[in-house]
Amino acid sequence: KFINFMIMRILHLKNLIILIIILFSFYLISPYHKIYKLYNSIKKSDTEFVSKNIDWVNVKSGFKDDFKNIVNKAYSQTNSLEKKILGNLFIQIIIETLVDNLVTPKNLILLVNDPDKYKDLIEDKLENPIKKINYIQKINYEEKDFRVKYAFFININKFRVSFIKEDYPISIDFKINSFKWKLNRIYLPVDIIASKINN
C-alpha cells in the first residue's frame, strides 16, 4: 500500500509539473501571439481590433507626457517669440487637442505604419491648434525599413517591443490584465520628432 501510495504521489507530482510547464509555456508565447495579431490588424487598418486591444487611459496618459516634451523641445530651440509664447501659454490646451485628434485607432495605425506622416500630423496641429486634423487614409502600407530591436518581458506582467521604422525608434509596452494582453504604452521618439518639427 505504501508503495502504491508513493507511486500515485509521484504520478500526481509529474502531472502537476507537466501542467505548470504547459501553463508557463503558454504565458511565454501569449504576448508574441497578441503582437502578431495586432500587427496584422494594423497592416490591414483594422480599427475595430486595434481599438479593443488598447488600454486607452494609460496610452493617452503616456502620449500627454510625450507630446508635452515634444512641444517644449520644439519651441525651446527656436528664436521665434510667437512660438515661445505659444509654447508657454497654451501648452496644456495644445496637449489636450493633440491627444483628442491624434490618439485614435486610425492614427495609431498610421504611427506604426508611417511615423513620418504621424510627425506631420503633430506639426500641423502645433501650427494650428483649432484646426481639425484629418486622418491620412492609406490602406496598403509599404514594408519600409522595419527592424525589431527588442521583444521580451520587462517584468512579470509587462512585455516590451522596440522597433525602428524609417529611422524612428518606437517602443510599445503590453500589459496583461484578466489573462488578456493589451497595448498599455507607446513611447514616441521625442527628440527626433521635435528636431524634425523644428527644421
Protein backbone atom coordinates (compact mmCIF):
# COMPACT_ATOMS: atom_id res chain seq x y z
CA LYS A 1 0.00 0.00 0.00
CA PHE A 2 2.80 2.37 0.84
CA ILE A 3 4.49 1.69 -2.50
CA ASN A 4 1.23 2.27 -4.37
CA PHE A 5 0.70 5.46 -2.43
CA MET A 6 4.19 6.73 -3.34
CA ILE A 7 3.68 5.80 -6.98
CA MET A 8 0.43 7.78 -7.04
CA ARG A 9 2.11 10.75 -5.39
CA ILE A 10 4.91 10.67 -7.95
CA LEU A 11 2.41 10.46 -10.81
CA HIS A 12 0.43 13.36 -9.41
CA LEU A 13 3.59 15.38 -8.96
CA LYS A 14 4.66 14.57 -12.51
CA ASN A 15 1.28 15.66 -13.86
CA LEU A 16 1.46 18.85 -11.83
CA ILE A 17 4.94 19.63 -13.19
CA ILE A 18 3.73 18.99 -16.75
CA LEU A 19 0.76 21.30 -16.17
CA ILE A 20 2.99 24.03 -14.78
CA ILE A 21 5.34 23.73 -17.77
CA ILE A 22 2.39 23.94 -20.19
CA LEU A 23 0.94 26.99 -18.44
CA PHE A 24 4.33 28.69 -18.27
CA SER A 25 4.96 27.99 -21.96
CA PHE A 26 1.55 29.41 -22.82
CA TYR A 27 2.35 32.51 -20.76
CA LEU A 28 5.67 32.98 -22.57
CA ILE A 29 4.11 32.57 -26.01
CA SER A 30 0.92 34.56 -25.40
CA PRO A 31 2.33 38.11 -25.81
CA TYR A 32 4.03 37.16 -29.09
CA HIS A 33 0.71 35.80 -30.36
CA LYS A 34 -1.09 39.02 -29.36
CA ILE A 35 1.58 41.17 -31.01
CA TYR A 36 1.36 39.11 -34.20
CA LYS A 37 -2.43 39.53 -34.33
CA LEU A 38 -2.23 43.24 -33.52
CA TYR A 39 0.49 43.82 -36.11
CA ASN A 40 -1.58 42.11 -38.80
CA SER A 41 -4.62 44.17 -37.84
CA ILE A 42 -2.51 47.34 -38.09
CA LYS A 43 -1.27 46.38 -41.54
CA LYS A 44 -4.89 45.80 -42.60
CA SER A 45 -6.07 49.02 -40.93
CA ASP A 46 -8.48 47.03 -38.77
CA THR A 47 -9.51 49.82 -36.41
CA GLU A 48 -12.03 47.68 -34.52
CA PHE A 49 -9.46 45.08 -33.43
CA VAL A 50 -6.90 47.77 -32.60
CA SER A 51 -9.43 49.71 -30.53
CA LYS A 52 -10.42 46.68 -28.45
CA ASN A 53 -6.83 45.74 -27.64
CA ILE A 54 -5.57 49.06 -26.30
CA ASP A 55 -5.73 50.38 -22.75
CA TRP A 56 -6.77 53.87 -23.81
CA VAL A 57 -6.50 55.51 -20.39
CA ASN A 58 -2.82 54.60 -19.97
CA VAL A 59 -1.96 55.13 -23.63
CA LYS A 60 -3.43 58.64 -23.66
CA SER A 61 -1.67 59.48 -20.39
CA GLY A 62 1.66 58.40 -21.90
CA PHE A 63 1.04 60.40 -25.07
CA LYS A 64 0.33 63.51 -22.98
CA ASP A 65 3.79 63.21 -21.43
CA ASP A 66 5.45 62.68 -24.82
CA PHE A 67 3.51 65.49 -26.53
CA LYS A 68 4.43 67.86 -23.70
CA ASN A 69 8.12 67.02 -24.14
CA ILE A 70 7.85 67.40 -27.93
CA VAL A 71 6.23 70.84 -27.62
CA ASN A 72 8.78 72.01 -25.04
CA LYS A 73 11.76 70.78 -27.07
CA ALA A 74 10.42 72.06 -30.40
CA TYR A 75 9.78 75.58 -29.12
CA SER A 76 12.73 75.90 -26.75
CA GLN A 77 15.09 75.56 -29.74
CA THR A 78 13.59 78.44 -31.72
CA ASN A 79 14.12 82.20 -31.55
CA SER A 80 10.57 82.91 -32.67
CA LEU A 81 8.88 84.91 -29.91
CA GLU A 82 5.46 83.90 -31.20
CA LYS A 83 6.30 80.21 -30.94
CA LYS A 84 7.81 80.62 -27.46
CA ILE A 85 4.67 82.40 -26.25
CA LEU A 86 2.53 79.70 -27.80
CA GLY A 87 4.59 77.01 -26.08
CA ASN A 88 4.47 78.74 -22.70
CA LEU A 89 0.87 79.94 -22.57
CA PHE A 90 -1.14 77.32 -24.38
CA ILE A 91 0.81 74.12 -23.85
CA GLN A 92 -1.93 72.33 -21.87
CA ILE A 93 -4.60 73.20 -24.43
CA ILE A 94 -2.35 72.03 -27.23
CA ILE A 95 -1.61 68.75 -25.43
CA GLU A 96 -5.32 68.06 -24.99
CA THR A 97 -6.07 68.78 -28.65
CA LEU A 98 -3.15 66.63 -29.76
CA VAL A 99 -4.42 63.71 -27.68
CA ASP A 100 -8.02 64.14 -28.86
CA ASN A 101 -7.02 64.29 -32.51
CA LEU A 102 -4.01 62.00 -32.75
CA VAL A 103 -4.51 59.26 -30.17
CA THR A 104 -7.16 57.34 -32.09
CA PRO A 105 -7.18 53.84 -33.60
CA LYS A 106 -6.72 55.21 -37.12
CA ASN A 107 -3.84 57.49 -36.21
CA LEU A 108 -2.07 54.86 -34.09
CA ILE A 109 -2.23 52.63 -37.15
CA LEU A 110 -0.63 55.48 -39.08
CA LEU A 111 2.07 55.90 -36.40
CA VAL A 112 3.23 52.29 -36.66
CA ASN A 113 3.00 52.16 -40.45
CA ASP A 114 4.30 55.60 -41.35
CA PRO A 115 5.77 57.55 -38.39
CA ASP A 116 6.93 60.40 -40.63
CA LYS A 117 3.34 61.09 -41.65
CA TYR A 118 2.36 60.97 -37.97
CA LYS A 119 5.05 63.57 -37.27
CA ASP A 120 3.45 65.74 -39.98
CA LEU A 121 0.10 65.50 -38.18
CA ILE A 122 1.71 66.67 -34.92
CA GLU A 123 3.36 69.55 -36.76
CA ASP A 124 0.08 70.58 -38.45
CA LYS A 125 -1.71 70.58 -35.10
CA LEU A 126 1.00 72.65 -33.43
CA GLU A 127 0.83 75.22 -36.22
CA ASN A 128 -2.96 75.45 -35.99
CA PRO A 129 -4.34 74.05 -32.69
CA ILE A 130 -8.00 74.68 -33.60
CA LYS A 131 -7.73 73.01 -36.98
CA LYS A 132 -9.37 69.61 -37.26
CA ILE A 133 -6.74 67.09 -38.28
CA ASN A 134 -7.91 64.70 -40.94
CA TYR A 135 -6.77 61.11 -40.82
CA ILE A 136 -4.45 60.26 -43.70
CA GLN A 137 -6.17 57.32 -45.35
CA LYS A 138 -3.73 54.75 -46.60
CA ILE A 139 -4.62 51.07 -46.86
CA ASN A 140 -1.59 49.36 -48.38
CA TYR A 141 1.43 50.46 -46.40
CA GLU A 142 4.86 49.63 -47.74
CA GLU A 143 7.25 47.45 -45.78
CA LYS A 144 9.95 50.06 -45.41
CA ASP A 145 12.92 49.77 -43.09
CA PHE A 146 11.19 47.94 -40.24
CA ARG A 147 13.61 46.44 -37.72
CA VAL A 148 12.69 44.88 -34.39
CA LYS A 149 15.36 45.65 -31.77
CA TYR A 150 13.83 44.05 -28.67
CA ALA A 151 10.84 41.86 -27.86
CA PHE A 152 10.66 40.34 -24.38
CA PHE A 153 9.30 40.73 -20.86
CA ILE A 154 10.39 43.74 -18.81
CA ASN A 155 8.68 42.34 -15.71
CA ILE A 156 6.28 39.55 -14.85
CA ASN A 157 3.20 41.27 -16.30
CA LYS A 158 4.69 43.61 -18.92
CA PHE A 159 6.14 42.92 -22.34
CA ARG A 160 8.05 45.41 -24.49
CA VAL A 161 8.57 45.60 -28.23
CA SER A 162 11.11 48.10 -29.53
CA PHE A 163 11.50 48.67 -33.25
CA ILE A 164 12.82 51.18 -35.75
CA LYS A 165 10.65 52.29 -38.64
CA GLU A 166 12.14 54.73 -41.14
CA ASP A 167 14.73 55.90 -38.58
CA TYR A 168 12.06 56.45 -35.90
CA PRO A 169 12.76 54.30 -32.80
CA ILE A 170 9.45 53.40 -31.13
CA SER A 171 8.80 51.25 -28.06
CA ILE A 172 5.46 49.68 -27.17
CA ASP A 173 4.54 48.11 -23.83
CA PHE A 174 1.88 45.44 -23.39
CA LYS A 175 0.40 44.62 -20.01
CA ILE A 176 -1.57 41.52 -19.03
CA ASN A 177 -4.80 42.05 -17.15
CA SER A 178 -7.50 39.42 -16.53
CA PHE A 179 -5.46 36.96 -18.63
CA LYS A 180 -5.50 39.30 -21.63
CA TRP A 181 -2.60 41.26 -23.09
CA LYS A 182 -3.38 44.85 -24.07
CA LEU A 183 -1.26 47.63 -25.51
CA ASN A 184 -0.50 49.77 -22.47
CA ARG A 185 2.03 52.42 -23.53
CA ILE A 186 3.63 53.79 -26.68
CA TYR A 187 6.91 55.70 -26.34
CA LEU A 188 7.37 58.27 -29.08
CA PRO A 189 10.87 59.25 -30.27
CA VAL A 190 10.52 62.67 -28.66
CA ASP A 191 13.92 64.13 -29.61
CA ILE A 192 13.70 63.07 -33.25
CA ILE A 193 10.15 64.35 -33.74
CA ALA A 194 10.95 67.66 -32.03
CA SER A 195 14.08 68.19 -34.14
CA LYS A 196 12.23 67.42 -37.38
CA ILE A 197 9.40 69.79 -36.44
CA ASN A 198 11.95 72.48 -35.64
CA ASN A 199 13.54 72.08 -39.04
